[in-house]
Each structure stands twice: as structure tokens, then as C-alpha cells.
Amino acid sequence: MLGRNKQLLNAILTALFAAIIYIGISVLRIPLPAIVGRPFIHFGNPLMVIAILFLGGVWGGVAAAVGLGGFDILNGYAATSWLTVLEVIVMAIVVSAIMSAFKHDDRPSHIITVAIAAGITKLITSFLATVVEGLIAGMTLQPAIITSFLSLTATAINSVATAIIVPILYFLLRRAFQAARRR
């Protein structure tokens, strides 16, 4: 019975985080000009990392895939939502691996390291995803790489925001989350 309750709690928290991530993109976003794609500054990435930290790689990854992927599907980015889901999978693997290396010790220096690594990971995955978008749009590889590089402004801003926001949110929410898990 206890196992079923834990699974139910995981499912509820995953749905809650998916909704929060979706809202974090929908409500707070600032569009930016770019050569390829329609980038914007948003809070989805820091919330994705928070979900992975609190729920673990699998449940947090599912929450982020539903929140970010669902936003893409419902807001004109459906053709490339699969790239978003791939980025989420990579992020879940990276964040989980780093926390495992830290033996899940969430001291501030470890969470800051995770946040910085998440920002760097987002830069890399977004660059690669935008290259793929360019190739899908009919570009050859070299122009796709150049335009992807020139379109990284929003991702760079989002990555820096992730590195700053994740530790702040994590430590603000940690006690409330732990209390919810104990009940």
C-alpha cells in the first residue's frame, strides 16, 4: 500500500511540475529576434532543472517533457517539439549524473554546480537543436551551424538565468517539498 501511495504522490508532483513549467513559459516570456527559430526568454528551463532535482531524473524529466513539449505543441512549435523532448532527456541525464556524483548531497556549492552545468548543457543542446532545425528548413550544414550560433542570444540569457534562478528556487522550496514528501 505504501508503494502505491508513493507512486501516486510522484504522479501528482510530476503533473504539478509539468503545469508549473508550462505556466513558466506561457506567462513569463519575452520574444527575441533570431535568424533561425522564434526564441524567447522564459522560466521553463530553471523550472525543468528544479523538477529534476526534486523528483529525480525520470519523474522530473517526464514533468519537463510534458511541460516544455506540451507548450511547443500548443503554441506553434509542434514540428520541433521532439527536439525539445530530446533536450529534456539530455538535461535529466546530466543533472541526475551530477547529483549522483555528489551522492545527492544538496549543499549550496553542489546545487550551484548543477545549475551552472544545466546552463551550459542548455547552450549545447539548443545549439544542436537549432542546427537540426536549420537542416530541416533546407540549409546545408555550414549555414545551419552559423545561423544556429548567431541565434544563441536567447539561450545564453536563459542559461545564465538558469544558473542564477535554480539555486535560489531550490533553497526557497526545499523545505516545503521535503515536508510534502514526508506526508
Protein backbone atom coordinates (compact mmCIF):
# COMPACT_ATOMS: atom_id res chain seq x y z
CA MET A 1 0.00 0.00 0.00
CA LEU A 2 2.82 2.41 0.87
CA GLY A 3 4.39 1.84 -2.57
CA ARG A 4 1.14 2.76 -4.31
CA ASN A 5 0.89 5.97 -2.29
CA LYS A 6 4.45 6.89 -3.22
CA GLN A 7 3.73 6.27 -6.91
CA LEU A 8 0.56 8.34 -6.67
CA LEU A 9 2.45 11.17 -4.97
CA ASN A 10 5.13 11.01 -7.70
CA ALA A 11 2.45 11.17 -10.40
CA ILE A 12 0.73 14.14 -8.71
CA LEU A 13 4.00 16.04 -8.22
CA THR A 14 5.02 15.28 -11.80
CA ALA A 15 1.73 16.69 -13.10
CA LEU A 16 2.10 19.72 -10.82
CA PHE A 17 5.63 20.41 -12.05
CA ALA A 18 4.53 19.93 -15.69
CA ALA A 19 1.83 22.55 -15.17
CA ILE A 20 4.23 24.94 -13.40
CA ILE A 21 6.78 24.56 -16.21
CA TYR A 22 4.10 25.19 -18.84
CA ILE A 23 2.91 28.30 -16.99
CA GLY A 24 6.52 29.44 -16.50
CA ILE A 25 6.89 29.54 -20.28
CA SER A 26 3.42 30.78 -21.19
CA VAL A 27 3.10 33.66 -18.78
CA LEU A 28 6.65 34.95 -18.45
CA ARG A 29 8.27 35.11 -21.88
CA ILE A 30 10.00 37.80 -23.85
CA PRO A 31 10.43 37.15 -27.61
CA LEU A 32 13.83 37.87 -29.17
CA PRO A 33 14.84 38.23 -32.81
CA ALA A 34 16.83 35.37 -34.33
CA ILE A 35 17.97 34.15 -37.72
CA VAL A 36 16.52 30.68 -37.13
CA GLY A 37 13.51 29.85 -34.98
CA ARG A 38 11.49 32.05 -32.66
CA PRO A 39 13.50 32.18 -29.42
CA PHE A 40 12.36 33.88 -26.25
CA ILE A 41 13.46 34.36 -22.68
CA HIS A 42 11.40 32.26 -20.25
CA PHE A 43 11.41 30.43 -16.90
CA GLY A 44 10.83 26.93 -18.27
CA ASN A 45 14.47 25.90 -18.12
CA PRO A 46 15.11 26.73 -14.45
CA LEU A 47 11.81 25.08 -13.54
CA MET A 48 12.83 21.99 -15.53
CA VAL A 49 16.04 21.72 -13.51
CA ILE A 50 14.12 22.23 -10.25
CA ALA A 51 11.72 19.43 -11.25
CA ILE A 52 14.64 17.10 -11.99
CA LEU A 53 16.33 17.97 -8.69
CA PHE A 54 13.19 17.43 -6.61
CA LEU A 55 11.64 14.49 -8.47
CA GLY A 56 14.70 12.76 -9.89
CA GLY A 57 15.68 12.24 -13.49
CA VAL A 58 12.76 10.06 -14.58
CA TRP A 59 9.81 11.84 -12.92
CA GLY A 60 11.38 15.29 -13.31
CA GLY A 61 12.21 14.52 -16.93
CA VAL A 62 8.63 13.45 -17.59
CA ALA A 63 7.34 16.66 -15.98
CA ALA A 64 9.70 18.77 -18.09
CA ALA A 65 8.92 16.86 -21.29
CA VAL A 66 5.18 17.34 -20.73
CA GLY A 67 5.54 21.00 -19.68
CA LEU A 68 8.03 22.11 -22.33
CA GLY A 69 6.87 19.71 -25.05
CA GLY A 70 3.23 20.49 -24.35
CA PHE A 71 3.96 24.19 -24.66
CA ASP A 72 5.65 23.58 -28.01
CA ILE A 73 2.76 21.51 -29.33
CA LEU A 74 0.12 24.02 -28.25
CA ASN A 75 1.96 27.19 -29.32
CA GLY A 76 3.16 26.71 -32.88
CA TYR A 77 6.33 24.72 -32.27
CA ALA A 78 4.84 21.24 -32.77
CA ALA A 79 7.15 20.39 -35.68
CA THR A 80 10.20 20.66 -33.43
CA SER A 81 8.71 19.58 -30.09
CA TRP A 82 10.58 16.28 -30.43
CA LEU A 83 13.84 18.26 -30.23
CA THR A 84 12.62 19.85 -27.00
CA VAL A 85 11.91 16.42 -25.55
CA LEU A 86 15.40 15.25 -26.56
CA GLU A 87 16.88 18.31 -24.83
CA VAL A 88 14.89 17.44 -21.70
CA ILE A 89 16.21 13.87 -21.76
CA VAL A 90 19.80 15.12 -22.02
CA MET A 91 19.20 17.60 -19.19
CA ALA A 92 17.67 14.90 -16.97
CA ILE A 93 20.68 12.66 -17.58
CA VAL A 94 23.20 15.44 -16.90
CA VAL A 95 21.52 16.77 -13.73
CA SER A 96 20.93 13.26 -12.37
CA ALA A 97 24.50 12.21 -13.11
CA ILE A 98 25.95 15.23 -11.35
CA MET A 99 23.71 14.74 -8.31
CA SER A 100 24.69 11.06 -8.24
CA ALA A 101 28.36 12.06 -8.36
CA PHE A 102 27.65 14.34 -5.39
CA LYS A 103 25.89 11.41 -3.67
CA HIS A 104 22.68 13.51 -3.64
CA ASP A 105 24.26 15.92 -1.16
CA ASP A 106 22.45 19.19 -1.82
CA ARG A 107 24.83 21.62 -0.19
CA PRO A 108 24.83 25.05 -1.89
CA SER A 109 28.07 24.51 -3.81
CA HIS A 110 26.66 21.33 -5.35
CA ILE A 111 23.37 22.94 -6.37
CA ILE A 112 25.25 25.91 -7.85
CA THR A 113 27.45 23.48 -9.79
CA VAL A 114 24.35 21.68 -11.07
CA ALA A 115 22.77 25.00 -12.08
CA ILE A 116 25.87 26.12 -14.00
CA ALA A 117 26.18 22.72 -15.68
CA ALA A 118 22.48 22.88 -16.60
CA GLY A 119 23.01 26.30 -18.18
CA ILE A 120 25.97 25.03 -20.21
CA THR A 121 24.04 21.89 -21.19
CA LYS A 122 21.14 24.04 -22.38
CA LEU A 123 23.50 26.12 -24.53
CA ILE A 124 24.89 22.99 -26.18
CA THR A 125 21.55 21.23 -26.70
CA SER A 126 19.88 24.38 -28.04
CA PHE A 127 22.76 24.97 -30.44
CA LEU A 128 22.45 21.41 -31.75
CA ALA A 129 18.64 21.58 -31.91
CA THR A 130 18.81 24.82 -33.90
CA VAL A 131 21.30 23.23 -36.30
CA VAL A 132 18.81 20.40 -36.84
CA GLU A 133 16.00 22.96 -37.34
CA GLY A 134 18.12 24.70 -39.98
CA LEU A 135 18.80 21.40 -41.73
CA ILE A 136 15.09 20.57 -41.67
CA ALA A 137 14.39 24.00 -43.18
CA GLY A 138 16.66 23.10 -46.10
CA MET A 139 20.00 24.64 -45.14
CA THR A 140 23.26 22.86 -45.67
CA LEU A 141 25.38 22.07 -42.61
CA GLN A 142 27.71 25.07 -42.60
CA PRO A 143 24.97 27.74 -42.85
CA ALA A 144 22.90 25.81 -40.28
CA ILE A 145 25.83 25.91 -37.85
CA ILE A 146 26.48 29.61 -38.46
CA THR A 147 22.84 30.63 -38.07
CA SER A 148 22.48 28.45 -35.00
CA PHE A 149 25.45 30.16 -33.42
CA LEU A 150 24.06 33.59 -34.30
CA SER A 151 20.69 32.65 -32.76
CA LEU A 152 22.04 31.72 -29.32
CA THR A 153 21.27 35.08 -27.68
CA ALA A 154 18.01 33.95 -26.02
CA THR A 155 19.55 30.64 -24.99
CA ALA A 156 22.56 32.39 -23.47
CA ILE A 157 20.25 34.65 -21.46
CA ASN A 158 18.10 31.67 -20.43
CA SER A 159 21.22 29.71 -19.46
CA VAL A 160 22.56 32.49 -17.24
CA ALA A 161 19.09 32.88 -15.72
CA THR A 162 19.02 29.12 -15.06
CA ALA A 163 22.38 29.26 -13.29
CA ILE A 164 21.11 32.08 -11.06
CA ILE A 165 17.48 31.07 -10.50
CA VAL A 166 17.91 27.33 -9.80
CA PRO A 167 19.89 27.67 -6.55
CA ILE A 168 17.58 30.43 -5.28
CA LEU A 169 14.38 28.48 -6.04
CA TYR A 170 15.84 25.20 -4.83
CA PHE A 171 16.67 26.51 -1.39
CA LEU A 172 13.43 28.50 -1.13
CA LEU A 173 11.33 25.42 -1.96
CA ARG A 174 13.39 22.61 -0.44
CA ARG A 175 11.70 22.53 2.99
CA ALA A 176 8.19 22.69 1.54
CA PHE A 177 9.00 19.91 -0.90
CA GLN A 178 10.56 17.72 1.79
CA ALA A 179 7.51 18.27 4.01
CA ALA A 180 5.20 17.24 1.16
CA ARG A 181 7.26 14.08 0.56
CA ARG A 182 7.11 13.07 4.24
CA ARG A 183 3.31 13.20 4.44
